[in-house]
Amino acid sequence: MSRYSSATERSLRAALLALLLAGCASTGAPKASLYERLGGAEGIDAISFDLLARSVADPRIAEDFVEADLVNLHERLVERLCALSGGPCTYGGRDMRAAHAGLGLTEADFNALVEHLVDAMRARGVPLSAQNELLAILAPMRREVIRQ
């Protein structure tokens, strides 16, 4: 074996090693789903419960919940957040426009609810990136909820 082929062989080995290491680095654990980052079923249940508890206690929007069936609302909210976040749930409730028809909700009402959702997620230690991802999914529903 000549000196040249030995140097070439070392270069090829180094290149192969670099490729293998790069492949190992890029095949790390897959990113957790939003559902998982929200805490799975337990986390979504707790976030939903906390959101409703904060909303009912908030004088700005408490009256919006006076006639609500809070048990059913909690169940539908869990289903909705679970399904939207990629979890194994199917949402069985009404569409947002129908669910909020006649309530006359305002931008301020909507913003207060979002504030409580963010506070509930923070209280559960949900990463900021997951909070933002969920809010981005929910944001288009605003026009279906306000003043219906």
Protein backbone atom coordinates (compact mmCIF):
# COMPACT_ATOMS: atom_id res chain seq x y z
CA MET A 1 0.00 0.00 0.00
CA SER A 2 1.48 3.31 -1.03
CA ARG A 3 1.70 6.41 1.07
CA TYR A 4 -0.82 8.13 -1.19
CA SER A 5 -3.43 5.42 -0.85
CA SER A 6 -2.94 5.38 2.91
CA ALA A 7 -3.59 9.14 3.10
CA THR A 8 -6.58 8.75 0.80
CA GLU A 9 -7.85 5.90 2.93
CA ARG A 10 -7.51 8.02 6.09
CA SER A 11 -9.39 10.86 4.38
CA LEU A 12 -12.15 8.52 3.31
CA ARG A 13 -12.39 7.07 6.82
CA ALA A 14 -12.54 10.56 8.31
CA ALA A 15 -15.23 11.59 5.83
CA LEU A 16 -17.22 8.43 6.56
CA LEU A 17 -16.90 8.99 10.31
CA ALA A 18 -18.08 12.59 9.89
CA LEU A 19 -21.10 11.43 7.89
CA LEU A 20 -21.97 8.80 10.48
CA LEU A 21 -21.69 11.29 13.32
CA ALA A 22 -23.78 13.85 11.45
CA GLY A 23 -26.40 11.17 10.82
CA CYS A 24 -26.50 10.27 14.50
CA ALA A 25 -26.84 13.90 15.52
CA SER A 26 -29.75 14.53 13.17
CA THR A 27 -31.66 11.41 14.17
CA GLY A 28 -32.29 12.56 17.73
CA ALA A 29 -35.61 12.02 19.40
CA PRO A 30 -38.52 13.36 17.39
CA LYS A 31 -40.09 16.58 18.64
CA ALA A 32 -42.93 15.91 21.04
CA SER A 33 -46.40 16.67 19.71
CA LEU A 34 -48.26 19.71 20.96
CA TYR A 35 -50.59 17.33 22.80
CA GLU A 36 -47.60 15.89 24.66
CA ARG A 37 -46.11 19.32 25.37
CA LEU A 38 -49.43 20.42 26.86
CA GLY A 39 -49.15 17.49 29.27
CA GLY A 40 -51.27 14.92 27.45
CA ALA A 41 -54.75 14.08 28.73
CA GLU A 42 -53.94 15.05 32.31
CA GLY A 43 -52.39 18.37 31.34
CA ILE A 44 -55.21 19.36 29.00
CA ASP A 45 -57.81 18.43 31.62
CA ALA A 46 -56.03 20.57 34.22
CA ILE A 47 -55.55 23.50 31.84
CA SER A 48 -59.23 23.39 30.88
CA PHE A 49 -60.39 23.20 34.48
CA ASP A 50 -58.11 26.07 35.51
CA LEU A 51 -59.22 28.16 32.52
CA LEU A 52 -62.87 27.75 33.48
CA ALA A 53 -62.23 28.38 37.19
CA ARG A 54 -60.36 31.60 36.39
CA SER A 55 -63.06 32.71 33.94
CA VAL A 56 -65.95 32.08 36.32
CA ALA A 57 -64.11 34.02 39.05
CA ASP A 58 -63.31 36.97 36.77
CA PRO A 59 -65.88 39.77 37.19
CA ARG A 60 -65.18 40.91 33.61
CA ILE A 61 -66.59 37.70 32.10
CA ALA A 62 -68.22 35.73 34.95
CA GLU A 63 -71.73 36.55 33.72
CA ASP A 64 -70.92 34.84 30.40
CA PHE A 65 -70.83 31.56 32.32
CA VAL A 66 -73.86 31.97 34.62
CA GLU A 67 -76.16 29.78 32.52
CA ALA A 68 -73.45 27.47 31.19
CA ASP A 69 -73.35 23.77 32.00
CA LEU A 70 -69.79 23.92 33.30
CA VAL A 71 -69.35 20.14 33.44
CA ASN A 72 -70.32 19.78 29.78
CA LEU A 73 -68.31 22.87 28.84
CA HIS A 74 -65.24 21.39 30.54
CA GLU A 75 -65.68 18.08 28.71
CA ARG A 76 -66.09 19.79 25.32
CA LEU A 77 -63.11 22.07 25.99
CA VAL A 78 -60.92 19.07 26.85
CA GLU A 79 -62.03 17.31 23.66
CA ARG A 80 -61.43 20.39 21.54
CA LEU A 81 -57.96 21.14 22.91
CA CYS A 82 -57.00 17.47 22.74
CA ALA A 83 -58.10 17.13 19.11
CA LEU A 84 -56.56 20.44 18.01
CA SER A 85 -53.24 19.59 19.63
CA GLY A 86 -52.91 16.24 17.87
CA GLY A 87 -54.18 14.06 20.70
CA PRO A 88 -56.34 10.96 20.35
CA CYS A 89 -59.64 12.79 20.91
CA THR A 90 -62.58 13.58 18.70
CA TYR A 91 -64.44 16.81 19.35
CA GLY A 92 -68.15 16.09 19.80
CA GLY A 93 -69.42 19.61 20.42
CA ARG A 94 -70.98 22.24 18.24
CA ASP A 95 -68.95 24.42 15.92
CA MET A 96 -67.73 27.66 17.49
CA ARG A 97 -70.22 29.90 15.68
CA ALA A 98 -73.21 27.81 16.83
CA ALA A 99 -71.85 27.38 20.36
CA HIS A 100 -71.49 31.15 20.84
CA ALA A 101 -74.56 32.32 18.91
CA GLY A 102 -76.61 34.89 20.77
CA LEU A 103 -74.07 35.41 23.54
CA GLY A 104 -72.94 38.79 22.25
CA LEU A 105 -69.35 38.22 23.29
CA THR A 106 -66.99 41.13 22.75
CA GLU A 107 -63.34 41.47 21.92
CA ALA A 108 -62.71 42.23 25.62
CA ASP A 109 -64.49 39.00 26.62
CA PHE A 110 -62.41 37.01 24.17
CA ASN A 111 -59.18 38.64 25.33
CA ALA A 112 -59.99 37.91 28.98
CA LEU A 113 -60.54 34.24 28.16
CA VAL A 114 -57.25 34.08 26.27
CA GLU A 115 -55.53 35.73 29.23
CA HIS A 116 -56.91 32.99 31.50
CA LEU A 117 -55.82 30.28 29.08
CA VAL A 118 -52.27 31.64 29.06
CA ASP A 119 -52.27 31.86 32.86
CA ALA A 120 -53.56 28.28 33.12
CA MET A 121 -50.84 27.03 30.77
CA ARG A 122 -48.14 28.94 32.67
CA ALA A 123 -49.39 27.49 35.96
CA ARG A 124 -48.93 24.00 34.47
CA GLY A 125 -45.41 24.81 33.26
CA VAL A 126 -46.30 24.53 29.56
CA PRO A 127 -43.33 25.71 27.49
CA LEU A 128 -43.77 29.10 25.83
CA SER A 129 -43.37 27.57 22.37
CA ALA A 130 -46.27 25.18 23.05
CA GLN A 131 -48.40 28.04 24.42
CA ASN A 132 -47.78 30.05 21.26
CA GLU A 133 -48.50 27.06 19.04
CA LEU A 134 -51.86 26.45 20.71
CA LEU A 135 -52.78 30.14 20.61
CA ALA A 136 -51.96 30.23 16.88
CA ILE A 137 -54.33 27.29 16.32
CA LEU A 138 -57.10 28.93 18.36
CA ALA A 139 -56.70 32.49 17.01
CA PRO A 140 -58.80 31.98 13.83
CA MET A 141 -61.76 31.01 16.03
CA ARG A 142 -61.95 34.59 17.29
CA ARG A 143 -64.17 35.67 14.39
CA GLU A 144 -66.51 32.73 15.06
CA VAL A 145 -66.93 33.65 18.73
CA ILE A 146 -67.21 37.44 18.91
CA ARG A 147 -70.65 39.05 18.51
CA GLN A 148 -72.43 35.93 17.34
